[in-house]
Structures are given as structure tokens and as C-alpha cells.
């Protein structure tokens, strides 16, 4: 059974940094794709960034390009989201989701169709 555990959220001032982690268990063989989403109060869930373990390719939402970096440690089945230069509008619950097994590039990540979801971690950016 695949399970995802998101962590690393917290309260930070604008301009600060946080690193989120998504630890996956149950990946026994093959490749995976993990995508970070976020949902702010009263807003729809939006995709933030995605990575594939097959080719390491990544994608980012325009709103976070140049500020957020997604990376993976395949030996640990953990994906990280380094968030720098945080803005109040980055405040949201951040979720990680996985498609597994997945053999496509991280440049082709689906919008919402993921088999497994983590529980979310709250990021609050104060102005």
C-alpha cells in the first residue's frame, strides 16, 4: 500500500524559506511521479510543482518559478519542495500526491489525476 507523509510546514515571515518533505512508502519497484499541490482558504487546489523519478524532469507553476525548487531522493523515496522568497500569497495547505507506477516524464505530469494523496501540511507566510 502506498502512503504519503507531508511535513515541514510552519509559520514564516515574507521573504523567508521553508522546505517541505513528502516521504513515500510502498514504492516497491518501478518509477513514480510526485506533484505538490496547495489550497488556500476559499480557493481551488492548484498544482505547484512535479517531478518524475524516471527522468528527473520537473515542472513548476508560473507563480512559483524561480522561487521554489523540487527535488527527490530516490533512495529514500522522498521528494522535497524548497520554498524561498516566500510571499503571503503562498499561504496554503500543501499536499503531495503520487502516481505509481509511472513511466512518463516529469514534464508531462497530469493536472489532478493522482492515485495517492498525503494529508497536507500548512504553510503560513506573514507580511
Protein backbone atom coordinates (compact mmCIF):
# COMPACT_ATOMS: atom_id res chain seq x y z
CA UNK A 1 0.00 0.00 0.00
CA UNK A 2 1.35 3.42 -0.96
CA UNK A 3 1.28 6.10 1.70
CA UNK A 4 2.50 9.68 1.57
CA UNK A 5 3.52 11.78 4.54
CA UNK A 6 3.93 15.50 4.01
CA UNK A 7 5.80 17.58 6.56
CA UNK A 8 7.79 20.76 7.01
CA UNK A 9 5.09 23.39 7.06
CA UNK A 10 5.06 26.23 9.52
CA UNK A 11 4.91 29.97 10.05
CA UNK A 12 7.47 32.12 8.30
CA UNK A 13 7.85 35.80 7.52
CA UNK A 14 7.63 37.07 3.98
CA UNK A 15 10.95 36.62 2.25
CA UNK A 16 11.78 33.57 4.32
CA UNK A 17 12.22 29.94 3.36
CA UNK A 18 10.78 26.56 4.20
CA UNK A 19 11.48 23.06 2.96
CA UNK A 20 8.62 20.62 2.66
CA UNK A 21 9.14 16.88 2.53
CA UNK A 22 6.94 14.17 1.08
CA UNK A 23 8.00 10.76 2.33
CA UNK A 24 6.52 7.87 0.40
CA UNK A 25 6.23 4.27 1.43
CA UNK A 26 5.08 1.31 -0.62
CA UNK A 27 7.10 2.05 -3.76
CA UNK A 28 8.46 -1.44 -4.31
CA UNK A 29 9.57 -1.24 -7.94
CA UNK A 30 9.34 0.98 -10.98
CA UNK A 31 9.13 4.73 -11.16
CA UNK A 32 6.88 7.32 -9.59
CA UNK A 33 5.71 10.85 -10.19
CA UNK A 34 5.06 13.15 -7.27
CA UNK A 35 3.33 16.50 -7.52
CA UNK A 36 2.89 19.20 -4.91
CA UNK A 37 -0.42 20.99 -4.72
CA UNK A 38 -1.65 23.77 -2.50
CA UNK A 39 -5.01 25.05 -1.46
CA UNK A 40 -5.57 28.43 0.11
CA UNK A 41 -8.75 29.21 2.05
CA UNK A 42 -11.63 29.82 -0.32
CA UNK A 43 -9.59 28.91 -3.38
CA UNK A 44 -9.32 25.89 -5.61
CA UNK A 45 -6.47 23.44 -5.26
CA UNK A 46 -3.64 24.31 -7.63
CA UNK A 47 -0.63 22.40 -8.83
CA UNK A 48 2.69 23.79 -7.69
CA UNK A 49 5.44 21.51 -8.93
CA UNK A 50 6.01 17.99 -10.19
CA UNK A 51 8.90 15.58 -10.56
CA UNK A 52 9.38 12.15 -12.09
CA UNK A 53 11.79 9.60 -10.71
CA UNK A 54 12.27 8.17 -14.21
CA UNK A 55 13.97 11.17 -15.79
CA UNK A 56 14.19 13.76 -13.02
CA UNK A 57 12.29 16.26 -15.15
CA UNK A 58 10.35 18.90 -13.27
CA UNK A 59 7.58 21.38 -13.86
CA UNK A 60 6.54 24.47 -11.94
CA UNK A 61 3.55 26.73 -11.78
CA UNK A 62 4.33 30.19 -13.11
CA UNK A 63 3.58 31.66 -9.69
CA UNK A 64 6.50 29.81 -8.06
CA UNK A 65 9.09 29.63 -10.84
CA UNK A 66 12.43 30.93 -9.70
CA UNK A 67 11.45 30.69 -6.02
CA UNK A 68 10.58 27.02 -5.44
CA UNK A 69 12.73 24.01 -6.26
CA UNK A 70 11.52 20.42 -6.28
CA UNK A 71 13.97 17.57 -5.82
CA UNK A 72 13.94 13.90 -4.99
CA UNK A 73 16.00 11.40 -3.08
CA UNK A 74 15.03 8.18 -4.80
CA UNK A 75 16.91 6.04 -2.28
CA UNK A 76 14.66 7.44 0.44
CA UNK A 77 11.53 7.75 -1.75
CA UNK A 78 11.28 11.32 -0.56
CA UNK A 79 10.52 14.44 -2.55
CA UNK A 80 11.36 17.90 -1.28
CA UNK A 81 9.98 21.32 -2.10
CA UNK A 82 12.41 24.08 -1.22
CA UNK A 83 10.47 27.31 -1.00
CA UNK A 84 12.42 30.56 -0.99
CA UNK A 85 11.37 34.20 -1.11
CA UNK A 86 8.01 33.27 0.31
CA UNK A 87 5.09 35.63 -0.11
CA UNK A 88 1.87 35.96 1.86
CA UNK A 89 0.02 34.62 -1.18
CA UNK A 90 1.93 31.35 -0.77
CA UNK A 91 -0.08 30.70 2.40
CA UNK A 92 -1.96 27.45 1.93
CA UNK A 93 -2.19 23.82 2.89
CA UNK A 94 0.36 21.98 0.78
CA UNK A 95 -0.34 18.44 -0.34
CA UNK A 96 1.79 15.90 -2.14
CA UNK A 97 0.27 13.37 -4.48
CA UNK A 98 1.74 10.42 -6.30
CA UNK A 99 1.14 8.43 -9.43
CA UNK A 100 2.67 5.00 -9.12
CA UNK A 101 3.92 3.20 -11.05
CA UNK A 102 4.51 5.98 -13.54
CA UNK A 103 6.84 5.86 -16.51
CA UNK A 104 6.31 9.26 -18.08
CA UNK A 105 8.43 12.36 -17.89
CA UNK A 106 8.08 14.94 -15.17
CA UNK A 107 7.35 17.40 -17.96
CA UNK A 108 4.10 15.54 -18.66
CA UNK A 109 2.58 15.49 -15.19
CA UNK A 110 -1.22 15.17 -15.10
CA UNK A 111 -3.17 18.09 -13.74
CA UNK A 112 -5.10 16.36 -10.94
CA UNK A 113 -5.24 12.63 -11.69
CA UNK A 114 -3.14 11.05 -8.96
CA UNK A 115 -3.73 7.77 -7.21
CA UNK A 116 -2.35 8.65 -3.81
CA UNK A 117 -2.53 11.77 -1.66
CA UNK A 118 -0.81 12.85 1.52
CA UNK A 119 -2.54 14.59 4.40
CA UNK A 120 -1.27 18.14 3.84
CA UNK A 121 0.96 20.50 5.75
CA UNK A 122 0.09 24.13 6.50
CA UNK A 123 2.35 26.92 5.33
CA UNK A 124 1.61 30.39 6.67
CA UNK A 125 3.55 33.39 5.41
CA UNK A 126 3.14 36.57 7.40
CA UNK A 127 3.63 40.01 5.88
